[in-house]
């Protein structure tokens, strides 16, 4: 089994805020991430797929094709957008990186199966800051709000 990865970049804003809580509790739990005017990040998204190389091309997946899938399914929908307001697949959900990465998986997995059936989505790493990132392997997480 071979694992290949593609890294993409996008900018997005979000706010961590639980509407069932008071403003004070939101500030206590989320700190400056609860800012009512939102805050932004320069995200990096690393998508890893796995499979066996095609004997004719030597590829598990053409990395240009993987980049196109990521751009169409994710980057074009979130780049320079507010995750809480502008992104349809995040509506009604907490805009934490943990929830965000699960929603990204839900977009990429079916698109990958359709375009490159021999490759399987293995892992997504979403880097929010140089110190903070999340990793997801598609394992039974519900992101219902």
Protein backbone atom coordinates (compact mmCIF):
# COMPACT_ATOMS: atom_id res chain seq x y z
CA UNK A 1 0.00 0.00 0.00
CA UNK A 2 1.33 3.41 -1.01
CA UNK A 3 0.31 6.69 0.64
CA UNK A 4 0.47 9.95 -1.32
CA UNK A 5 -0.34 13.43 -0.05
CA UNK A 6 -1.25 16.82 -1.45
CA UNK A 7 -1.04 20.09 0.47
CA UNK A 8 -3.32 23.03 -0.30
CA UNK A 9 -3.70 26.42 1.34
CA UNK A 10 -6.64 28.71 2.02
CA UNK A 11 -7.60 31.64 4.22
CA UNK A 12 -10.80 31.64 6.24
CA UNK A 13 -12.37 33.31 9.25
CA UNK A 14 -14.44 31.77 12.01
CA UNK A 15 -15.75 32.25 15.50
CA UNK A 16 -16.03 29.69 18.24
CA UNK A 17 -19.27 30.40 20.05
CA UNK A 18 -21.96 28.29 21.66
CA UNK A 19 -25.29 30.12 21.39
CA UNK A 20 -26.62 28.19 24.41
CA UNK A 21 -24.04 29.88 26.61
CA UNK A 22 -23.64 33.42 27.90
CA UNK A 23 -21.08 35.73 26.32
CA UNK A 24 -19.05 35.40 29.52
CA UNK A 25 -18.96 31.59 29.36
CA UNK A 26 -18.02 31.73 25.67
CA UNK A 27 -15.12 34.06 26.49
CA UNK A 28 -14.10 31.81 29.37
CA UNK A 29 -14.07 28.65 27.25
CA UNK A 30 -12.99 29.98 23.83
CA UNK A 31 -11.01 33.11 24.79
CA UNK A 32 -10.27 35.43 21.89
CA UNK A 33 -11.66 32.82 19.47
CA UNK A 34 -15.13 33.90 20.67
CA UNK A 35 -14.56 37.40 19.29
CA UNK A 36 -17.95 38.59 17.93
CA UNK A 37 -16.12 40.05 14.92
CA UNK A 38 -14.50 36.70 14.08
CA UNK A 39 -10.82 36.00 13.44
CA UNK A 40 -8.92 34.46 10.56
CA UNK A 41 -6.31 31.83 9.79
CA UNK A 42 -3.99 30.85 6.98
CA UNK A 43 -4.99 27.19 6.87
CA UNK A 44 -3.01 24.36 5.35
CA UNK A 45 -4.86 21.22 4.34
CA UNK A 46 -2.95 17.98 3.76
CA UNK A 47 -4.93 15.18 2.16
CA UNK A 48 -3.46 11.68 2.03
CA UNK A 49 -4.84 8.91 -0.14
CA UNK A 50 -3.77 5.29 -0.27
CA UNK A 51 -3.77 2.57 -2.85
CA UNK A 52 -1.64 0.51 -5.17
CA UNK A 53 0.10 2.17 -8.09
CA UNK A 54 -1.54 1.75 -11.47
CA UNK A 55 0.80 -0.46 -13.55
CA UNK A 56 0.44 1.82 -16.59
CA UNK A 57 1.03 5.20 -14.88
CA UNK A 58 2.82 4.24 -11.69
CA UNK A 59 0.39 6.51 -9.80
CA UNK A 60 -1.90 5.77 -6.89
CA UNK A 61 -3.58 8.96 -8.07
CA UNK A 62 -2.38 11.75 -10.30
CA UNK A 63 -1.53 14.44 -7.74
CA UNK A 64 -2.82 17.12 -10.13
CA UNK A 65 -6.19 15.33 -10.12
CA UNK A 66 -6.11 15.13 -6.30
CA UNK A 67 -5.31 18.86 -6.17
CA UNK A 68 -8.23 19.59 -8.50
CA UNK A 69 -10.60 17.57 -6.28
CA UNK A 70 -9.43 19.42 -3.16
CA UNK A 71 -9.75 22.79 -4.90
CA UNK A 72 -13.24 22.09 -6.27
CA UNK A 73 -14.69 20.36 -3.21
CA UNK A 74 -13.07 22.43 -0.44
CA UNK A 75 -10.83 25.39 -1.29
CA UNK A 76 -13.24 27.06 -3.72
CA UNK A 77 -15.96 26.84 -1.05
CA UNK A 78 -13.97 28.17 1.93
CA UNK A 79 -11.14 30.39 0.70
CA UNK A 80 -11.53 33.99 1.89
CA UNK A 81 -14.88 33.09 3.49
CA UNK A 82 -16.34 33.15 6.96
CA UNK A 83 -16.93 29.52 7.99
CA UNK A 84 -19.80 30.49 10.29
CA UNK A 85 -21.67 32.60 7.73
CA UNK A 86 -20.57 31.91 4.14
CA UNK A 87 -19.94 28.16 4.00
CA UNK A 88 -23.05 26.07 3.44
CA UNK A 89 -21.65 22.78 4.75
CA UNK A 90 -20.73 24.46 8.07
CA UNK A 91 -24.15 26.03 8.69
CA UNK A 92 -25.51 25.16 12.14
CA UNK A 93 -22.23 23.55 13.22
CA UNK A 94 -19.54 24.68 15.62
CA UNK A 95 -16.73 26.05 13.45
CA UNK A 96 -13.97 24.28 15.39
CA UNK A 97 -11.19 22.64 13.41
CA UNK A 98 -12.34 19.28 14.74
CA UNK A 99 -15.81 19.66 13.21
CA UNK A 100 -14.43 21.39 10.10
CA UNK A 101 -12.07 18.50 9.25
CA UNK A 102 -14.91 15.96 9.53
CA UNK A 103 -17.04 18.04 7.15
CA UNK A 104 -14.11 18.29 4.72
CA UNK A 105 -13.82 14.48 4.79
CA UNK A 106 -17.52 14.19 3.93
CA UNK A 107 -16.90 16.31 0.82
CA UNK A 108 -13.69 14.65 -0.33
CA UNK A 109 -14.48 10.98 0.19
CA UNK A 110 -17.34 10.65 -2.35
CA UNK A 111 -15.60 12.91 -4.89
CA UNK A 112 -12.44 10.83 -4.67
CA UNK A 113 -14.37 7.57 -5.07
CA UNK A 114 -16.06 8.92 -8.17
CA UNK A 115 -12.98 10.34 -9.90
CA UNK A 116 -10.28 7.91 -8.71
CA UNK A 117 -11.96 4.67 -7.60
CA UNK A 118 -8.67 2.83 -7.00
CA UNK A 119 -7.53 5.42 -4.42
CA UNK A 120 -9.01 5.65 -0.92
CA UNK A 121 -9.02 8.65 1.38
CA UNK A 122 -6.72 7.78 4.28
CA UNK A 123 -6.07 10.89 6.34
CA UNK A 124 -6.64 14.64 6.49
CA UNK A 125 -4.50 17.06 8.44
CA UNK A 126 -5.86 20.58 8.91
CA UNK A 127 -3.27 23.06 10.16
CA UNK A 128 -4.79 26.18 11.72
CA UNK A 129 -1.59 27.74 13.07
CA UNK A 130 2.04 26.60 13.27
CA UNK A 131 1.21 25.24 16.74
CA UNK A 132 -2.34 23.93 16.26
CA UNK A 133 -3.61 21.25 13.91
CA UNK A 134 -6.08 18.38 13.78
CA UNK A 135 -5.83 14.99 12.10
CA UNK A 136 -8.73 12.82 10.96
CA UNK A 137 -8.83 9.28 9.59
CA UNK A 138 -12.57 9.06 8.91
CA UNK A 139 -13.31 7.06 12.02
CA UNK A 140 -16.91 7.26 13.21
CA UNK A 141 -17.23 10.87 14.28
CA UNK A 142 -20.62 12.55 14.15
CA UNK A 143 -20.50 16.30 13.49
CA UNK A 144 -24.16 16.98 14.13
CA UNK A 145 -24.66 20.29 15.89
